[in-house]
Protein backbone atom coordinates (compact mmCIF):
# COMPACT_ATOMS: atom_id res chain seq x y z
CA MET A 1 19.97 -21.53 5.00
CA SER A 2 18.92 -21.12 1.41
CA SER A 3 20.28 -24.36 -0.08
CA LYS A 4 17.35 -26.66 1.11
CA GLY A 5 14.70 -24.21 -0.22
CA GLU A 6 16.26 -23.44 -3.28
CA GLN A 7 16.49 -27.12 -4.24
CA ASN A 8 12.95 -27.70 -3.64
CA GLN A 9 11.76 -25.29 -6.48
CA ASP A 10 8.24 -26.01 -4.89
CA CYS A 11 6.95 -22.54 -5.01
CA LEU A 12 4.92 -21.70 -8.18
CA GLY A 13 4.69 -17.91 -9.26
CA TRP A 14 4.39 -15.55 -12.04
CA ALA A 15 7.52 -13.73 -12.88
CA ALA A 16 8.78 -10.97 -15.31
CA ARG A 17 11.86 -11.80 -17.08
CA ASP A 18 12.87 -8.59 -18.76
CA VAL A 19 11.99 -4.89 -19.07
CA SER A 20 8.72 -5.86 -20.93
CA GLY A 21 7.26 -6.73 -17.71
CA HIS A 22 5.22 -9.60 -19.26
CA LEU A 23 4.63 -11.97 -16.43
CA SER A 24 4.32 -15.83 -16.78
CA PRO A 25 4.53 -18.84 -14.70
CA TYR A 26 7.73 -19.44 -12.99
CA LYS A 27 9.11 -22.18 -10.34
CA PHE A 28 11.39 -21.18 -7.50
CA GLY A 29 12.37 -22.26 -4.09
CA ARG A 30 11.80 -20.53 -0.66
CA ARG A 31 14.07 -20.65 2.14
CA ALA A 32 13.46 -23.32 4.96
CA VAL A 33 11.20 -22.25 7.73
CA GLY A 34 13.48 -20.80 10.43
CA ASN A 35 12.78 -20.65 14.11
CA ASP A 36 11.30 -17.36 13.74
CA ASP A 37 9.56 -17.80 10.68
CA ILE A 38 6.00 -18.51 9.48
CA SER A 39 5.31 -20.27 6.32
CA LEU A 40 1.97 -19.20 4.77
CA LYS A 41 -0.14 -20.56 1.79
CA ILE A 42 -0.96 -17.38 -0.06
CA THR A 43 -4.63 -16.82 -0.89
CA HIS A 44 -4.66 -13.54 -2.21
CA CYS A 45 -2.34 -10.62 -3.32
CA GLY A 46 -3.36 -7.02 -4.17
CA VAL A 47 -1.85 -5.49 -7.18
CA CYS A 48 0.11 -2.14 -6.48
CA TYR A 49 1.79 0.20 -8.89
CA ALA A 50 4.94 -0.82 -7.38
CA ASP A 51 4.24 -4.24 -9.37
CA VAL A 52 4.68 -2.06 -12.69
CA VAL A 53 7.42 -0.32 -11.61
CA TRP A 54 9.78 -3.34 -10.71
CA THR A 55 8.55 -5.43 -13.47
CA ARG A 56 9.44 -3.02 -15.93
CA ASN A 57 12.88 -1.80 -14.45
CA LYS A 58 11.62 1.70 -14.14
CA LEU A 59 13.86 2.61 -11.38
CA GLY A 60 16.77 0.73 -13.11
CA ASP A 61 17.26 -1.56 -10.21
CA SER A 62 15.13 -4.60 -11.11
CA LYS A 63 16.49 -8.29 -10.41
CA TYR A 64 14.99 -10.41 -12.85
CA PRO A 65 13.21 -12.64 -12.59
CA VAL A 66 10.97 -10.52 -10.57
CA VAL A 67 7.91 -12.17 -8.73
CA PRO A 68 5.86 -8.88 -7.64
CA GLY A 69 3.28 -8.39 -5.15
CA HIS A 70 3.55 -6.75 -1.61
CA GLU A 71 -0.19 -6.80 -0.59
CA ILE A 72 -0.15 -10.53 0.57
CA VAL A 73 -3.01 -12.51 2.71
CA GLY A 74 -2.43 -16.09 3.39
CA VAL A 75 -3.16 -19.00 5.95
CA VAL A 76 -0.41 -20.25 8.23
CA LYS A 77 0.81 -23.64 7.23
CA GLU A 78 4.00 -23.91 9.47
CA VAL A 79 5.48 -22.01 12.24
CA GLY A 80 9.01 -22.16 13.58
CA SER A 81 9.72 -23.06 17.01
CA ASN A 82 10.16 -19.51 18.56
CA VAL A 83 6.98 -18.31 17.03
CA ASP A 84 4.77 -16.61 19.32
CA GLY A 85 1.42 -15.26 18.71
CA PHE A 86 0.61 -17.08 15.41
CA LYS A 87 -0.33 -20.55 14.75
CA VAL A 88 -1.37 -23.06 11.94
CA GLY A 89 -4.62 -21.79 10.45
CA ASP A 90 -4.44 -18.25 11.38
CA VAL A 91 -5.10 -15.59 8.53
CA VAL A 92 -2.18 -13.57 8.26
CA GLY A 93 -0.86 -10.49 6.17
CA VAL A 94 2.44 -9.51 4.78
CA GLY A 95 2.99 -5.82 3.45
CA THR A 96 5.91 -4.00 1.73
CA TYR A 97 8.91 -5.13 3.81
CA VAL A 98 9.97 -8.65 5.11
CA ASN A 99 12.91 -7.63 7.18
CA SER A 100 14.84 -5.00 8.90
CA CYS A 101 17.98 -4.46 11.14
CA ARG A 102 15.65 -4.64 14.35
CA ASP A 103 18.32 -2.79 16.02
CA CYS A 104 18.47 0.69 15.00
CA ASP A 105 16.59 3.76 16.72
CA ASN A 106 13.73 3.58 13.78
CA CYS A 107 13.31 -0.13 14.19
CA ASN A 108 13.07 0.21 18.08
CA ARG A 109 10.65 3.13 17.60
CA ASP A 110 7.97 1.07 15.40
CA LEU A 111 9.10 2.67 12.31
CA GLU A 112 10.73 -0.64 10.66
CA VAL A 113 9.64 0.56 7.12
CA HIS A 114 12.36 3.46 7.62
CA CYS A 115 15.04 1.14 9.17
CA SER A 116 18.45 2.85 9.15
CA LYS A 117 20.00 0.13 7.40
CA GLY A 118 17.21 -0.18 4.98
CA SER A 119 14.16 -2.12 5.31
CA VAL A 120 14.16 -5.54 3.08
CA TYR A 121 11.32 -5.06 0.45
CA THR A 122 8.92 -7.95 -0.05
CA PHE A 123 10.34 -8.39 -3.47
CA ASN A 124 13.20 -7.51 -5.70
CA ALA A 125 15.34 -6.97 -2.53
CA ILE A 126 18.28 -8.87 -1.12
CA ASP A 127 17.36 -11.02 1.86
CA VAL A 128 19.31 -11.76 4.89
CA ASP A 129 20.41 -15.12 3.43
CA GLY A 130 21.75 -13.42 0.05
CA THR A 131 18.79 -14.48 -1.96
CA ILE A 132 16.46 -12.26 -3.89
CA THR A 133 12.99 -11.71 -2.24
CA LYS A 134 10.01 -12.84 -4.19
CA GLY A 135 6.45 -11.64 -3.73
CA GLY A 136 3.14 -12.54 -3.45
CA TYR A 137 2.19 -13.54 -7.00
CA SER A 138 3.08 -17.00 -5.59
CA THR A 139 1.66 -19.96 -4.10
CA TYR A 140 3.34 -19.56 -0.68
CA THR A 141 6.03 -17.50 1.30
CA VAL A 142 8.28 -17.79 4.35
CA VAL A 143 8.66 -14.56 6.53
CA HIS A 144 9.91 -13.69 9.86
CA GLN A 145 6.88 -13.38 12.32
CA ARG A 146 7.73 -9.81 13.28
CA TYR A 147 6.58 -8.69 9.67
CA CYS A 148 3.45 -10.70 9.68
CA PHE A 149 0.09 -9.20 10.69
CA MET A 150 -3.07 -10.94 12.34
CA ILE A 151 -6.03 -10.64 10.21
CA SER A 152 -9.44 -11.03 11.90
CA LYS A 153 -11.05 -14.18 10.54
CA ASP A 154 -14.38 -12.30 9.89
CA TYR A 155 -12.74 -10.00 7.57
CA PRO A 156 -12.86 -11.09 4.07
CA ALA A 157 -9.49 -12.10 3.16
CA ALA A 158 -9.53 -10.57 -0.52
CA LEU A 159 -10.48 -7.21 0.89
CA ALA A 160 -7.54 -7.17 3.51
CA ALA A 161 -4.91 -7.28 0.77
CA PRO A 162 -5.06 -3.67 -0.14
CA LEU A 163 -4.79 -2.41 3.40
CA LEU A 164 -1.23 -3.72 3.50
CA CYS A 165 0.01 -1.18 1.14
CA ALA A 166 -2.49 1.28 0.00
CA GLY A 167 -4.57 1.32 3.31
CA ILE A 168 -1.50 1.78 5.64
CA THR A 169 0.11 4.37 3.37
CA VAL A 170 -2.87 6.89 3.99
CA TYR A 171 -3.65 5.73 7.51
CA SER A 172 -0.25 6.32 8.85
CA PRO A 173 0.12 9.93 8.02
CA MET A 174 -3.54 10.67 9.10
CA ILE A 175 -2.62 9.25 12.59
CA ARG A 176 0.75 11.08 12.78
CA HIS A 177 -1.05 14.41 12.05
CA LYS A 178 -3.98 13.51 14.42
CA MET A 179 -6.50 13.45 11.62
CA ASN A 180 -8.59 10.97 13.50
CA GLN A 181 -10.29 13.78 15.33
CA ALA A 182 -14.06 14.15 14.24
CA GLY A 183 -14.71 17.61 12.66
CA LYS A 184 -11.49 18.26 11.02
CA SER A 185 -11.36 18.60 7.30
CA LEU A 186 -9.67 16.44 4.89
CA GLY A 187 -8.65 16.98 1.19
CA VAL A 188 -7.88 14.01 -0.88
CA ILE A 189 -6.15 14.54 -4.39
CA GLY A 190 -6.73 11.51 -6.68
CA LEU A 191 -9.18 8.87 -6.26
CA GLY A 192 -7.42 5.61 -7.07
CA GLY A 193 -6.22 2.73 -4.82
CA LEU A 194 -4.83 5.12 -2.07
CA GLY A 195 -7.34 7.90 -2.49
CA HIS A 196 -10.41 5.92 -2.16
CA LEU A 197 -9.08 4.65 1.26
CA ALA A 198 -8.05 7.87 2.61
CA VAL A 199 -11.77 8.81 1.89
CA LYS A 200 -13.16 5.87 3.66
CA PHE A 201 -10.80 6.40 6.80
CA GLY A 202 -11.85 10.21 6.57
CA LYS A 203 -15.29 9.41 7.13
CA ALA A 204 -14.79 6.64 9.62
CA PHE A 205 -13.05 9.33 11.71
CA GLY A 206 -15.80 11.77 11.20
CA LEU A 207 -13.88 14.36 9.16
CA ASN A 208 -15.26 16.50 6.38
CA VAL A 209 -13.72 15.07 3.41
CA THR A 210 -13.38 16.92 -0.01
CA VAL A 211 -12.20 14.93 -3.11
CA PHE A 212 -10.15 16.68 -5.83
CA SER A 213 -10.06 15.19 -9.20
CA THR A 214 -9.48 16.34 -12.81
CA SER A 215 -12.23 13.90 -14.00
CA MET A 216 -15.80 14.81 -13.60
CA SER A 217 -16.47 11.10 -14.28
CA LYS A 218 -15.45 10.46 -10.64
CA LYS A 219 -18.00 12.71 -8.91
CA GLU A 220 -20.79 10.31 -8.58
CA GLU A 221 -18.32 7.69 -6.83
CA ALA A 222 -16.78 10.07 -4.54
CA LEU A 223 -19.95 11.49 -3.33
CA ILE A 224 -22.39 8.77 -3.27
CA LYS A 225 -20.42 5.43 -3.25
CA LEU A 226 -17.61 6.70 -0.98
CA GLY A 227 -19.63 9.31 1.01
CA ALA A 228 -17.36 12.27 0.49
CA ASP A 229 -18.73 15.68 1.22
CA LYS A 230 -17.44 17.57 -1.55
CA PHE A 231 -16.10 17.07 -4.93
CA VAL A 232 -14.04 19.62 -6.84
CA ILE A 233 -12.54 19.50 -10.31
CA SER A 234 -9.26 20.85 -9.36
CA SER A 235 -8.85 22.74 -12.75
CA ASP A 236 -11.82 24.78 -11.93
CA GLN A 237 -10.37 28.14 -10.28
CA GLN A 238 -13.70 29.39 -8.88
CA GLN A 239 -14.40 26.03 -7.03
CA MET A 240 -10.62 26.06 -5.77
CA LYS A 241 -10.93 29.70 -4.57
CA ALA A 242 -14.12 28.83 -2.52
CA LEU A 243 -12.11 26.62 -0.44
CA ALA A 244 -9.30 28.83 0.39
CA ASN A 245 -7.68 28.38 3.94
CA SER A 246 -10.53 25.76 4.74
CA LEU A 247 -8.55 22.49 5.14
CA ASP A 248 -6.64 20.97 7.99
CA PHE A 249 -4.78 18.46 5.91
CA ILE A 250 -4.53 17.20 2.36
CA ILE A 251 -3.43 13.66 1.16
CA ASP A 252 -1.98 14.18 -2.29
CA SER A 253 -2.14 10.45 -3.85
CA ALA A 254 -1.76 11.59 -7.53
CA ALA A 255 1.30 10.09 -9.33
CA GLY A 256 1.21 12.40 -12.25
CA ASN A 257 2.89 15.80 -12.26
CA HIS A 258 0.73 18.77 -11.22
CA PRO A 259 0.93 22.17 -9.74
CA PHE A 260 1.26 22.47 -5.89
CA ASP A 261 0.54 26.20 -5.30
CA PRO A 262 -3.20 25.89 -5.75
CA TYR A 263 -3.74 23.11 -3.16
CA MET A 264 -1.21 25.02 -0.73
CA SER A 265 -3.69 28.01 -0.70
CA LEU A 266 -6.58 25.53 0.60
CA LEU A 267 -4.81 24.77 3.80
CA LYS A 268 -5.62 26.59 7.05
CA THR A 269 -2.91 28.09 8.96
CA CYS A 270 -0.29 25.52 10.08
CA GLY A 271 -1.99 22.91 7.62
CA THR A 272 0.06 20.21 5.90
CA LEU A 273 -0.02 18.47 2.57
CA VAL A 274 1.35 14.84 2.51
CA LEU A 275 2.55 13.39 -0.42
CA VAL A 276 2.01 9.59 -1.02
CA GLY A 277 1.89 9.53 -4.75
CA ALA A 278 5.15 9.94 -6.58
CA PRO A 279 5.00 12.80 -9.13
CA ASN A 280 8.53 13.51 -11.00
CA GLU A 281 8.95 16.76 -9.37
CA ILE A 282 7.48 19.08 -6.72
CA LYS A 283 7.24 22.90 -7.74
CA LEU A 284 5.93 25.52 -5.48
CA SER A 285 6.38 29.27 -4.49
CA PRO A 286 8.16 29.54 -1.21
CA LEU A 287 5.43 31.74 -0.14
CA SER A 288 3.13 28.79 -0.20
CA LEU A 289 4.84 27.61 3.02
CA ILE A 290 5.82 30.68 4.47
CA LEU A 291 2.45 32.62 4.47
CA GLY A 292 0.32 30.65 6.92
CA MET A 293 3.21 28.46 8.21
CA LYS A 294 2.32 25.55 5.97
CA SER A 295 4.20 22.38 5.58
CA ILE A 296 4.74 19.75 2.84
CA SER A 297 5.40 16.21 3.81
CA GLY A 298 6.21 12.90 2.58
CA SER A 299 5.00 9.43 3.88
CA ALA A 300 5.70 5.76 3.16
CA THR A 301 3.88 2.82 4.42
CA GLY A 302 3.78 2.26 8.20
CA GLY A 303 5.49 0.50 10.93
CA ILE A 304 4.53 -2.88 12.13
CA LYS A 305 2.55 -1.73 15.22
CA GLU A 306 0.56 0.95 13.33
CA THR A 307 -0.33 -1.51 10.53
CA GLN A 308 -1.74 -4.01 12.95
CA GLU A 309 -3.81 -1.02 14.58
CA MET A 310 -5.06 -0.14 11.04
CA LEU A 311 -6.19 -3.85 10.49
CA ASN A 312 -7.70 -4.18 13.74
CA LEU A 313 -9.67 -0.75 13.21
CA CYS A 314 -10.99 -1.97 9.59
CA ALA A 315 -12.24 -5.08 11.16
CA ALA A 316 -13.97 -3.48 14.04
CA ARG A 317 -15.67 -0.52 11.78
CA LYS A 318 -16.05 -2.57 8.70
CA ILE A 319 -13.87 -0.41 6.47
CA TYR A 320 -13.71 -2.10 3.13
CA PRO A 321 -11.52 -1.33 0.29
CA GLU A 322 -13.42 -1.29 -3.33
CA ILE A 323 -11.94 -4.17 -5.24
CA GLU A 324 -11.90 -6.24 -8.54
CA VAL A 325 -11.02 -9.73 -7.89
CA ILE A 326 -8.98 -11.64 -10.97
CA PRO A 327 -7.47 -14.65 -11.69
CA ILE A 328 -3.62 -14.71 -11.82
CA GLN A 329 -3.96 -15.42 -15.51
CA TYR A 330 -5.48 -11.82 -16.22
CA ILE A 331 -2.49 -10.20 -14.53
CA ASN A 332 -0.74 -8.75 -17.70
CA GLU A 333 -4.27 -7.18 -18.79
CA ALA A 334 -4.53 -5.95 -15.30
CA LEU A 335 -1.31 -4.33 -15.10
CA GLU A 336 -2.06 -2.54 -18.45
CA ARG A 337 -5.51 -1.46 -16.95
CA LEU A 338 -3.76 0.01 -13.61
CA ILE A 339 -1.42 2.15 -15.75
CA LYS A 340 -4.44 3.48 -17.48
CA LYS A 341 -6.27 4.00 -13.98
CA ASP A 342 -9.10 1.79 -15.41
CA VAL A 343 -9.74 -0.01 -11.98
CA LYS A 344 -12.15 0.81 -9.19
CA TYR A 345 -10.04 0.99 -6.93
CA ARG A 346 -7.64 -2.07 -6.54
CA PHE A 347 -7.10 -5.29 -8.45
CA VAL A 348 -6.66 -8.36 -5.94
CA ILE A 349 -5.55 -11.64 -7.29
CA ASP A 350 -7.36 -14.80 -6.25
CA ILE A 351 -4.06 -16.72 -5.74
CA GLU A 352 -5.75 -19.87 -4.12
CA ASN A 353 -8.18 -20.68 -6.85
CA SER A 354 -6.20 -19.62 -9.93
CA LEU A 355 -2.52 -20.38 -9.25
CA LYS A 356 -2.07 -23.96 -9.74
């Protein structure tokens, strides 16, 4: 299956060759378009912290050369004979995974991201044909139709990209915990790529939104630009105490290590804190859970059905991420800035106009 595509070497991408993570131009082949596949010309790709993780081998499993990128938006240029629901010219998204077993309990329950046999990630994973998946920092890609999403023609393509990882990562736990009911109270820890979208969804759902940050510099952004109701410096014990037992739900998007007990005390009885960032460890007193029947949970991205629902909602309600569009030639500087949290709030690569 891969021989034809591998010989063509007609896909231009940017790849990291070693743990330095430095990206530079790289030519490779994509698989031939199968009966159930879509080939799409990539126009935009969001930049996620995952791109740093695997280009720099932070988990010890990078398969070089690594072509990162799993917030992909493009235009369909070819469809397989069995493809139903997508046609040439459609604007399509591809998120964090491009395959799963399609047979296990999770796949059958629209939880493909949690496939029992392991979902196949969009880059740095072993695909069904034995090749290593390569992501959206490239001119085109070939993906099974099941793992593609329809994007409304009137939704700006560049803005759609961050929804495919950052957006669904905060939307999924909000829906699962019924945090789309007006009047409920939401706390958001960290105001980055994920956190700012949690605020936007919260306001779209009619929630009372409080942003927690360690940096006073985020206050104006949170309250004025994003429309949060409250802004709290998490190290200010008086501000924190004033919010005791007041929140239904907290989305924790902070990647750095931080204490958990102070946040658990802010939850109402039966409240839940959901972790979408990845600190090195979670430390908290058992009483933080026992008193008030509180929960701490985790969440990845979402299933296919849910992701499409989120994209449709964003189009209908005009929910737009805050982005900085960059050419591919700027990607190494962008990744350095991402590490320093110097972006408001998601980089998106203009693949179509810069990768040639």
